[in-house]
Amino acid sequence: MVTSFGICVGSGASLLMECPHYVDCMITGEMSHHEILDIVNTKHGKKSLILLGHCNSERHYLPSLEKTLRIILSGYDLPEIGIAKADKAPLWLA
């Protein structure tokens, strides 16, 4: 049964490896093979792990980041801030 989550977009292993004793399930974009083994083995009590893909985990956050940047940078003479409408994860096959 999962009652607590640790979530970090992108490559969250460096942050999530600090909390395996406090969460039941970790959600992130990517981890190395050995980091995955450390999380899912009995060393940490067989935790659940969900890997979303690095780019996929970050894409959802971009609108919020765009809004924050617009607020922080308002008043500066800078180029327009926007989010690309067409991109793809680099590991996807053509």
PDB file of N, CA and C in Angstrom:
ATOM      1  N   MET A   1       0.836  -1.178   0.000  1.00  0.00           N
ATOM      2  CA  MET A   1       0.000   0.000   0.000  1.00  0.00           C
ATOM      3  C   MET A   1       0.885   1.247   0.000  1.00  0.00           C
ATOM      4  N   VAL A   2       0.544   2.193  -0.856  1.00  0.00           N
ATOM      5  CA  VAL A   2       1.291   3.446  -0.956  1.00  0.00           C
ATOM      6  C   VAL A   2       0.542   4.530  -0.193  1.00  0.00           C
ATOM      7  N   THR A   3       1.221   5.155   0.758  1.00  0.00           N
ATOM      8  CA  THR A   3       0.608   6.236   1.529  1.00  0.00           C
ATOM      9  C   THR A   3       1.374   7.548   1.408  1.00  0.00           C
ATOM     10  N   SER A   4       2.591   7.499   0.855  1.00  0.00           N
ATOM     11  CA  SER A   4       3.374   8.728   0.697  1.00  0.00           C
ATOM     12  C   SER A   4       4.210   8.659  -0.577  1.00  0.00           C
ATOM     13  N   PHE A   5       4.420   9.843  -1.199  1.00  0.00           N
ATOM     14  CA  PHE A   5       5.143   9.941  -2.460  1.00  0.00           C
ATOM     15  C   PHE A   5       6.293  10.930  -2.336  1.00  0.00           C
ATOM     16  N   GLY A   6       7.367  10.673  -3.085  1.00  0.00           N
ATOM     17  CA  GLY A   6       8.436  11.637  -3.306  1.00  0.00           C
ATOM     18  C   GLY A   6       8.453  11.912  -4.794  1.00  0.00           C
ATOM     19  N   ILE A   7       8.375  13.194  -5.186  1.00  0.00           N
ATOM     20  CA  ILE A   7       8.273  13.538  -6.603  1.00  0.00           C
ATOM     21  C   ILE A   7       9.347  14.562  -6.961  1.00  0.00           C
ATOM     22  N   CYS A   8      10.061  14.312  -8.056  1.00  0.00           N
ATOM     23  CA  CYS A   8      11.048  15.256  -8.569  1.00  0.00           C
ATOM     24  C   CYS A   8      11.115  15.104 -10.085  1.00  0.00           C
ATOM     25  N   VAL A   9      10.908  16.202 -10.817  1.00  0.00           N
ATOM     26  CA  VAL A   9      10.952  16.132 -12.279  1.00  0.00           C
ATOM     27  C   VAL A   9      12.391  15.994 -12.760  1.00  0.00           C
ATOM     28  N   GLY A  10      12.548  15.638 -14.033  1.00  0.00           N
ATOM     29  CA  GLY A  10      13.884  15.494 -14.611  1.00  0.00           C
ATOM     30  C   GLY A  10      14.563  14.252 -14.087  1.00  0.00           C
ATOM     31  N   SER A  11      15.819  14.403 -13.749  1.00  0.00           N
ATOM     32  CA  SER A  11      16.584  13.307 -13.166  1.00  0.00           C
ATOM     33  C   SER A  11      16.618  13.510 -11.660  1.00  0.00           C
ATOM     34  N   GLY A  12      15.625  12.953 -10.976  1.00  0.00           N
ATOM     35  CA  GLY A  12      15.439  13.247  -9.563  1.00  0.00           C
ATOM     36  C   GLY A  12      16.153  12.347  -8.591  1.00  0.00           C
ATOM     37  N   ALA A  13      16.989  11.470  -9.066  1.00  0.00           N
ATOM     38  CA  ALA A  13      17.631  10.512  -8.176  1.00  0.00           C
ATOM     39  C   ALA A  13      18.418  11.197  -7.064  1.00  0.00           C
ATOM     40  N   SER A  14      19.165  12.243  -7.381  1.00  0.00           N
ATOM     41  CA  SER A  14      20.007  12.882  -6.368  1.00  0.00           C
ATOM     42  C   SER A  14      19.177  13.408  -5.201  1.00  0.00           C
ATOM     43  N   LEU A  15      17.970  13.884  -5.476  1.00  0.00           N
ATOM     44  CA  LEU A  15      17.102  14.365  -4.403  1.00  0.00           C
ATOM     45  C   LEU A  15      16.327  13.231  -3.753  1.00  0.00           C
ATOM     46  N   LEU A  16      15.782  12.343  -4.565  1.00  0.00           N
ATOM     47  CA  LEU A  16      14.938  11.283  -4.022  1.00  0.00           C
ATOM     48  C   LEU A  16      15.728  10.242  -3.234  1.00  0.00           C
ATOM     49  N   MET A  17      17.001  10.078  -3.536  1.00  0.00           N
ATOM     50  CA  MET A  17      17.810   9.106  -2.799  1.00  0.00           C
ATOM     51  C   MET A  17      17.976   9.526  -1.343  1.00  0.00           C
ATOM     52  N   GLU A  18      17.651  10.781  -1.028  1.00  0.00           N
ATOM     53  CA  GLU A  18      17.727  11.266   0.347  1.00  0.00           C
ATOM     54  C   GLU A  18      16.508  10.861   1.175  1.00  0.00           C
ATOM     55  N   CYS A  19      15.437  10.427   0.528  1.00  0.00           N
ATOM     56  CA  CYS A  19      14.191  10.202   1.274  1.00  0.00           C
ATOM     57  C   CYS A  19      13.602   8.797   1.175  1.00  0.00           C
ATOM     58  N   PRO A  20      14.355   7.753   0.859  1.00  0.00           N
ATOM     59  CA  PRO A  20      13.706   6.444   0.698  1.00  0.00           C
ATOM     60  C   PRO A  20      13.096   5.889   1.977  1.00  0.00           C
ATOM     61  N   HIS A  21      13.539   6.374   3.127  1.00  0.00           N
ATOM     62  CA  HIS A  21      12.980   5.870   4.381  1.00  0.00           C
ATOM     63  C   HIS A  21      11.656   6.553   4.726  1.00  0.00           C
ATOM     64  N   TYR A  22      11.318   7.637   4.024  1.00  0.00           N
ATOM     65  CA  TYR A  22      10.147   8.432   4.370  1.00  0.00           C
ATOM     66  C   TYR A  22       8.993   8.313   3.381  1.00  0.00           C
ATOM     67  N   VAL A  23       9.226   7.743   2.215  1.00  0.00           N
ATOM     68  CA  VAL A  23       8.170   7.644   1.209  1.00  0.00           C
ATOM     69  C   VAL A  23       8.013   6.200   0.735  1.00  0.00           C
ATOM     70  N   ASP A  24       6.807   5.886   0.276  1.00  0.00           N
ATOM     71  CA  ASP A  24       6.523   4.529  -0.230  1.00  0.00           C
ATOM     72  C   ASP A  24       6.741   4.422  -1.731  1.00  0.00           C
ATOM     73  N   CYS A  25       6.567   5.534  -2.436  1.00  0.00           N
ATOM     74  CA  CYS A  25       6.661   5.522  -3.896  1.00  0.00           C
ATOM     75  C   CYS A  25       7.395   6.778  -4.366  1.00  0.00           C
ATOM     76  N   MET A  26       8.317   6.610  -5.293  1.00  0.00           N
ATOM     77  CA  MET A  26       9.049   7.725  -5.867  1.00  0.00           C
ATOM     78  C   MET A  26       8.667   7.877  -7.327  1.00  0.00           C
ATOM     79  N   ILE A  27       8.463   9.134  -7.738  1.00  0.00           N
ATOM     80  CA  ILE A  27       8.103   9.441  -9.121  1.00  0.00           C
ATOM     81  C   ILE A  27       9.111  10.452  -9.640  1.00  0.00           C
ATOM     82  N   THR A  28       9.749  10.124 -10.765  1.00  0.00           N
ATOM     83  CA  THR A  28      10.732  11.030 -11.357  1.00  0.00           C
ATOM     84  C   THR A  28      10.858  10.745 -12.844  1.00  0.00           C
ATOM     85  N   GLY A  29      11.685  11.524 -13.510  1.00  0.00           N
ATOM     86  CA  GLY A  29      11.882  11.346 -14.933  1.00  0.00           C
ATOM     87  C   GLY A  29      12.816  10.208 -15.275  1.00  0.00           C
ATOM     88  N   GLU A  30      13.925  10.122 -14.556  1.00  0.00           N
ATOM     89  CA  GLU A  30      14.898   9.074 -14.862  1.00  0.00           C
ATOM     90  C   GLU A  30      15.815   8.818 -13.677  1.00  0.00           C
ATOM     91  N   MET A  31      16.393   7.634 -13.657  1.00  0.00           N
ATOM     92  CA  MET A  31      17.407   7.231 -12.680  1.00  0.00           C
ATOM     93  C   MET A  31      18.344   6.257 -13.372  1.00  0.00           C
ATOM     94  N   SER A  32      19.528   6.133 -12.840  1.00  0.00           N
ATOM     95  CA  SER A  32      20.463   5.146 -13.388  1.00  0.00           C
ATOM     96  C   SER A  32      20.034   3.742 -12.949  1.00  0.00           C
ATOM     97  N   HIS A  33      20.563   2.758 -13.621  1.00  0.00           N
ATOM     98  CA  HIS A  33      20.250   1.362 -13.318  1.00  0.00           C
ATOM     99  C   HIS A  33      20.512   1.050 -11.842  1.00  0.00           C
ATOM    100  N   HIS A  34      21.652   1.457 -11.334  1.00  0.00           N
ATOM    101  CA  HIS A  34      22.022   1.142  -9.959  1.00  0.00           C
ATOM    102  C   HIS A  34      21.184   1.917  -8.942  1.00  0.00           C
ATOM    103  N   GLU A  35      20.795   3.141  -9.277  1.00  0.00           N
ATOM    104  CA  GLU A  35      19.899   3.900  -8.403  1.00  0.00           C
ATOM    105  C   GLU A  35      18.539   3.209  -8.321  1.00  0.00           C
ATOM    106  N   ILE A  36      18.077   2.715  -9.452  1.00  0.00           N
ATOM    107  CA  ILE A  36      16.799   1.986  -9.476  1.00  0.00           C
ATOM    108  C   ILE A  36      16.885   0.748  -8.598  1.00  0.00           C
ATOM    109  N   LEU A  37      17.969  -0.003  -8.730  1.00  0.00           N
ATOM    110  CA  LEU A  37      18.137  -1.200  -7.904  1.00  0.00           C
ATOM    111  C   LEU A  37      18.154  -0.857  -6.420  1.00  0.00           C
ATOM    112  N   ASP A  38      18.810   0.234  -6.047  1.00  0.00           N
ATOM    113  CA  ASP A  38      18.854   0.655  -4.645  1.00  0.00           C
ATOM    114  C   ASP A  38      17.460   0.975  -4.116  1.00  0.00           C
ATOM    115  N   ILE A  39      16.627   1.570  -4.942  1.00  0.00           N
ATOM    116  CA  ILE A  39      15.277   1.953  -4.505  1.00  0.00           C
ATOM    117  C   ILE A  39      14.354   0.747  -4.401  1.00  0.00           C
ATOM    118  N   VAL A  40      14.351  -0.118  -5.399  1.00  0.00           N
ATOM    119  CA  VAL A  40      13.358  -1.197  -5.431  1.00  0.00           C
ATOM    120  C   VAL A  40      13.774  -2.459  -4.670  1.00  0.00           C
ATOM    121  N   ASN A  41      15.021  -2.530  -4.213  1.00  0.00           N
ATOM    122  CA  ASN A  41      15.424  -3.736  -3.480  1.00  0.00           C
ATOM    123  C   ASN A  41      15.102  -3.610  -1.992  1.00  0.00           C
ATOM    124  N   THR A  42      15.421  -4.601  -1.241  1.00  0.00           N
ATOM    125  CA  THR A  42      15.074  -4.633   0.177  1.00  0.00           C
ATOM    126  C   THR A  42      15.902  -3.663   1.012  1.00  0.00           C
ATOM    127  N   LYS A  43      16.939  -3.077   0.469  1.00  0.00           N
ATOM    128  CA  LYS A  43      17.751  -2.097   1.210  1.00  0.00           C
ATOM    129  C   LYS A  43      16.877  -0.972   1.763  1.00  0.00           C
ATOM    130  N   HIS A  44      15.852  -0.585   1.024  1.00  0.00           N
ATOM    131  CA  HIS A  44      14.956   0.483   1.450  1.00  0.00           C
ATOM    132  C   HIS A  44      13.534  -0.026   1.664  1.00  0.00           C
ATOM    133  N   GLY A  45      13.361  -1.307   1.817  1.00  0.00           N
ATOM    134  CA  GLY A  45      12.031  -1.838   2.073  1.00  0.00           C
ATOM    135  C   GLY A  45      11.157  -1.990   0.845  1.00  0.00           C
ATOM    136  N   LYS A  46      11.763  -2.285  -0.298  1.00  0.00           N
ATOM    137  CA  LYS A  46      11.020  -2.509  -1.550  1.00  0.00           C
ATOM    138  C   LYS A  46      10.082  -1.358  -1.888  1.00  0.00           C
ATOM    139  N   LYS A  47      10.621  -0.232  -2.179  1.00  0.00           N
ATOM    140  CA  LYS A  47       9.834   0.943  -2.545  1.00  0.00           C
ATOM    141  C   LYS A  47       9.340   0.828  -3.971  1.00  0.00           C
ATOM    142  N   SER A  48       8.236   1.496  -4.265  1.00  0.00           N
ATOM    143  CA  SER A  48       7.719   1.562  -5.630  1.00  0.00           C
ATOM    144  C   SER A  48       8.380   2.731  -6.338  1.00  0.00           C
ATOM    145  N   LEU A  49       8.552   2.590  -7.647  1.00  0.00           N
ATOM    146  CA  LEU A  49       9.204   3.620  -8.438  1.00  0.00           C
ATOM    147  C   LEU A  49       8.466   3.788  -9.761  1.00  0.00           C
ATOM    148  N   ILE A  50       8.192   5.038 -10.130  1.00  0.00           N
ATOM    149  CA  ILE A  50       7.572   5.333 -11.414  1.00  0.00           C
ATOM    150  C   ILE A  50       8.489   6.284 -12.160  1.00  0.00           C
ATOM    151  N   LEU A  51       8.976   5.846 -13.334  1.00  0.00           N
ATOM    152  CA  LEU A  51       9.841   6.679 -14.181  1.00  0.00           C
ATOM    153  C   LEU A  51       9.022   7.160 -15.371  1.00  0.00           C
ATOM    154  N   LEU A  52       8.928   8.475 -15.528  1.00  0.00           N
ATOM    155  CA  LEU A  52       8.091   9.073 -16.563  1.00  0.00           C
ATOM    156  C   LEU A  52       8.828   9.391 -17.851  1.00  0.00           C
ATOM    157  N   GLY A  53      10.151   9.367 -17.815  1.00  0.00           N
ATOM    158  CA  GLY A  53      10.964   9.867 -18.923  1.00  0.00           C
ATOM    159  C   GLY A  53      11.351  11.308 -18.602  1.00  0.00           C
ATOM    160  N   HIS A  54      12.608  11.631 -18.763  1.00  0.00           N
ATOM    161  CA  HIS A  54      13.135  12.930 -18.339  1.00  0.00           C
ATOM    162  C   HIS A  54      12.327  14.099 -18.910  1.00  0.00           C
ATOM    163  N   CYS A  55      12.223  14.165 -20.230  1.00  0.00           N
ATOM    164  CA  CYS A  55      11.518  15.282 -20.870  1.00  0.00           C
ATOM    165  C   CYS A  55      10.040  15.291 -20.521  1.00  0.00           C
ATOM    166  N   ASN A  56       9.418  14.116 -20.485  1.00  0.00           N
ATOM    167  CA  ASN A  56       7.989  14.035 -20.177  1.00  0.00           C
ATOM    168  C   ASN A  56       7.685  14.567 -18.784  1.00  0.00           C
ATOM    169  N   SER A  57       8.579  14.328 -17.840  1.00  0.00           N
ATOM    170  CA  SER A  57       8.328  14.781 -16.476  1.00  0.00           C
ATOM    171  C   SER A  57       8.478  16.291 -16.336  1.00  0.00           C
ATOM    172  N   GLU A  58       9.277  16.894 -17.201  1.00  0.00           N
ATOM    173  CA  GLU A  58       9.493  18.340 -17.118  1.00  0.00           C
ATOM    174  C   GLU A  58       8.472  19.138 -17.926  1.00  0.00           C
ATOM    175  N   ARG A  59       7.955  18.559 -18.987  1.00  0.00           N
ATOM    176  CA  ARG A  59       7.071  19.281 -19.915  1.00  0.00           C
ATOM    177  C   ARG A  59       5.863  19.892 -19.211  1.00  0.00           C
ATOM    178  N   HIS A  60       5.277  19.184 -18.277  1.00  0.00           N
ATOM    179  CA  HIS A  60       4.082  19.653 -17.582  1.00  0.00           C
ATOM    180  C   HIS A  60       4.364  20.910 -16.741  1.00  0.00           C
ATOM    181  N   TYR A  61       5.581  21.059 -16.287  1.00  0.00           N
ATOM    182  CA  TYR A  61       5.976  22.169 -15.416  1.00  0.00           C
ATOM    183  C   TYR A  61       6.218  23.473 -16.184  1.00  0.00           C
ATOM    184  N   LEU A  62       6.462  23.392 -17.463  1.00  0.00           N
ATOM    185  CA  LEU A  62       6.859  24.567 -18.239  1.00  0.00           C
ATOM    186  C   LEU A  62       5.862  25.730 -18.201  1.00  0.00           C
ATOM    187  N   PRO A  63       4.558  25.529 -18.295  1.00  0.00           N
ATOM    188  CA  PRO A  63       3.648  26.676 -18.208  1.00  0.00           C
ATOM    189  C   PRO A  63       3.785  27.447 -16.892  1.00  0.00           C
ATOM    190  N   SER A  64       3.973  26.746 -15.801  1.00  0.00           N
ATOM    191  CA  SER A  64       4.158  27.397 -14.506  1.00  0.00           C
ATOM    192  C   SER A  64       5.472  28.177 -14.480  1.00  0.00           C
ATOM    193  N   LEU A  65       6.525  27.588 -15.034  1.00  0.00           N
ATOM    194  CA  LEU A  65       7.817  28.270 -15.105  1.00  0.00           C
ATOM    195  C   LEU A  65       7.726  29.514 -15.976  1.00  0.00           C
ATOM    196  N   GLU A  66       7.022  29.415 -17.110  1.00  0.00           N
ATOM    197  CA  GLU A  66       6.853  30.564 -17.993  1.00  0.00           C
ATOM    198  C   GLU A  66       6.168  31.714 -17.246  1.00  0.00           C
ATOM    199  N   LYS A  67       5.124  31.412 -16.516  1.00  0.00           N
ATOM    200  CA  LYS A  67       4.388  32.433 -15.766  1.00  0.00           C
ATOM    201  C   LYS A  67       5.291  33.088 -14.719  1.00  0.00           C
ATOM    202  N   THR A  68       6.056  32.283 -14.000  1.00  0.00           N
ATOM    203  CA  THR A  68       6.962  32.802 -12.975  1.00  0.00           C
ATOM    204  C   THR A  68       8.024  33.698 -13.596  1.00  0.00           C
ATOM    205  N   LEU A  69       8.605  33.277 -14.717  1.00  0.00           N
ATOM    206  CA  LEU A  69       9.631  34.089 -15.385  1.00  0.00           C
ATOM    207  C   LEU A  69       9.059  35.418 -15.871  1.00  0.00           C
ATOM    208  N   ARG A  70       7.844  35.392 -16.387  1.00  0.00           N
ATOM    209  CA  ARG A  70       7.216  36.637 -16.840  1.00  0.00           C
ATOM    210  C   ARG A  70       7.074  37.632 -15.681  1.00  0.00           C
ATOM    211  N   ILE A  71       6.718  37.136 -14.520  1.00  0.00           N
ATOM    212  CA  ILE A  71       6.574  38.005 -13.347  1.00  0.00           C
ATOM    213  C   ILE A  71       7.934  38.539 -12.897  1.00  0.00           C
ATOM    214  N   ILE A  72       8.898  37.660 -12.762  1.00  0.00           N
ATOM    215  CA  ILE A  72      10.229  38.045 -12.281  1.00  0.00           C
ATOM    216  C   ILE A  72      10.905  39.020 -13.232  1.00  0.00           C
ATOM    217  N   LEU A  73      10.751  38.781 -14.528  1.00  0.00           N
ATOM    218  CA  LEU A  73      11.473  39.581 -15.524  1.00  0.00           C
ATOM    219  C   LEU A  73      10.665  40.745 -16.086  1.00  0.00           C
ATOM    220  N   SER A  74       9.463  40.976 -15.562  1.00  0.00           N
ATOM    221  CA  SER A  74       8.674  42.099 -16.076  1.00  0.00           C
ATOM    222  C   SER A  74       9.430  43.400 -15.815  1.00  0.00           C
ATOM    223  N   GLY A  75       9.378  44.286 -16.766  1.00  0.00           N
ATOM    224  CA  GLY A  75      10.092  45.555 -16.642  1.00  0.00           C
ATOM    225  C   GLY A  75      11.467  45.542 -17.293  1.00  0.00           C
ATOM    226  N   TYR A  76      11.978  44.359 -17.618  1.00  0.00           N
ATOM    227  CA  TYR A  76      13.263  44.257 -18.310  1.00  0.00           C
ATOM    228  C   TYR A  76      13.016  44.204 -19.809  1.00  0.00           C
ATOM    229  N   ASP A  77      13.921  44.743 -20.567  1.00  0.00           N
ATOM    230  CA  ASP A  77      13.816  44.714 -22.025  1.00  0.00           C
ATOM    231  C   ASP A  77      14.445  43.417 -22.532  1.00  0.00           C
ATOM    232  N   LEU A  78      13.665  42.348 -22.509  1.00  0.00           N
ATOM    233  CA  LEU A  78      14.150  41.026 -22.887  1.00  0.00           C
ATOM    234  C   LEU A  78      13.296  40.458 -24.016  1.00  0.00           C
ATOM    235  N   PRO A  79      13.810  39.468 -24.720  1.00  0.00           N
ATOM    236  CA  PRO A  79      13.005  38.807 -25.759  1.00  0.00           C
ATOM    237  C   PRO A  79      11.772  38.157 -25.142  1.00  0.00           C
ATOM    238  N   GLU A  80      10.810  37.837 -25.969  1.00  0.00           N
ATOM    239  CA  GLU A  80       9.577  37.190 -25.538  1.00  0.00           C
ATOM    240  C   GLU A  80       9.883  35.827 -24.901  1.00  0.00           C
ATOM    241  N   ILE A  81       9.159  35.500 -23.868  1.00  0.00           N
ATOM    242  CA  ILE A  81       9.280  34.200 -23.211  1.00  0.00           C
ATOM    243  C   ILE A  81       8.144  33.324 -23.728  1.00  0.00           C
ATOM    244  N   GLY A  82       8.466  32.111 -24.142  1.00  0.00           N
ATOM    245  CA  GLY A  82       7.439  31.220 -24.653  1.00  0.00           C
ATOM    246  C   GLY A  82       7.863  29.772 -24.523  1.00  0.00           C
ATOM    247  N   ILE A  83       6.928  28.905 -24.762  1.00  0.00           N
ATOM    248  CA  ILE A  83       7.176  27.465 -24.700  1.00  0.00           C
ATOM    249  C   ILE A  83       7.056  26.893 -26.106  1.00  0.00           C
ATOM    250  N   ALA A  84       8.037  26.115 -26.497  1.00  0.00           N
ATOM    251  CA  ALA A  84       8.002  25.481 -27.819  1.00  0.00           C
ATOM    252  C   ALA A  84       6.776  24.580 -27.913  1.00  0.00           C
ATOM    253  N   LYS A  85       6.110  24.629 -29.032  1.00  0.00           N
ATOM    254  CA  LYS A  85       4.908  23.811 -29.233  1.00  0.00           C
ATOM    255  C   LYS A  85       5.246  22.451 -29.858  1.00  0.00           C
ATOM    256  N   ALA A  86       6.416  22.362 -30.481  1.00  0.00           N
ATOM    257  CA  ALA A  86       6.809  21.113 -31.136  1.00  0.00           C
ATOM    258  C   ALA A  86       8.203  20.718 -30.687  1.00  0.00           C
ATOM    259  N   ASP A  87       8.275  19.661 -29.949  1.00  0.00           N
ATOM    260  CA  ASP A  87       9.556  19.069 -29.575  1.00  0.00           C
ATOM    261  C   ASP A  87       9.305  17.607 -29.254  1.00  0.00           C
ATOM    262  N   LYS A  88      10.360  16.875 -29.013  1.00  0.00           N
ATOM    263  CA  LYS A  88      10.192  15.480 -28.634  1.00  0.00           C
ATOM    264  C   LYS A  88      11.377  15.052 -27.795  1.00  0.00           C
ATOM    265  N   ALA A  89      11.141  14.045 -26.986  1.00  0.00           N
ATOM    266  CA  ALA A  89      12.206  13.514 -26.149  1.00  0.00           C
ATOM    267  C   ALA A  89      13.310  12.968 -27.054  1.00  0.00           C
ATOM    268  N   PRO A  90      14.574  13.194 -26.715  1.00  0.00           N
ATOM    269  CA  PRO A  90      15.669  12.775 -27.596  1.00  0.00           C
ATOM    270  C   PRO A  90      15.829  11.271 -27.742  1.00  0.00           C
ATOM    271  N   LEU A  91      15.239  10.482 -26.868  1.00  0.00           N
ATOM    272  CA  LEU A  91      15.389   9.041 -26.951  1.00  0.00           C
ATOM    273  C   LEU A  91      14.268   8.346 -27.698  1.00  0.00           C
ATOM    274  N   TRP A  92      13.313   9.082 -28.201  1.00  0.00           N
ATOM    275  CA  TRP A  92      12.220   8.509 -28.970  1.00  0.00           C
ATOM    276  C   TRP A  92      12.719   8.188 -30.385  1.00  0.00           C
ATOM    277  N   LEU A  93      12.239   7.107 -30.911  1.00  0.00           N
ATOM    278  CA  LEU A  93      12.602   6.740 -32.282  1.00  0.00           C
ATOM    279  C   LEU A  93      11.804   7.574 -33.260  1.00  0.00           C
ATOM    280  N   ALA A  94      12.404   7.889 -34.376  1.00  0.00           N
ATOM    281  CA  ALA A  94      11.728   8.699 -35.387  1.00  0.00           C
ATOM    282  C   ALA A  94      10.592   7.930 -36.033  1.00  0.00           C
TER     283      ALA A  94
END
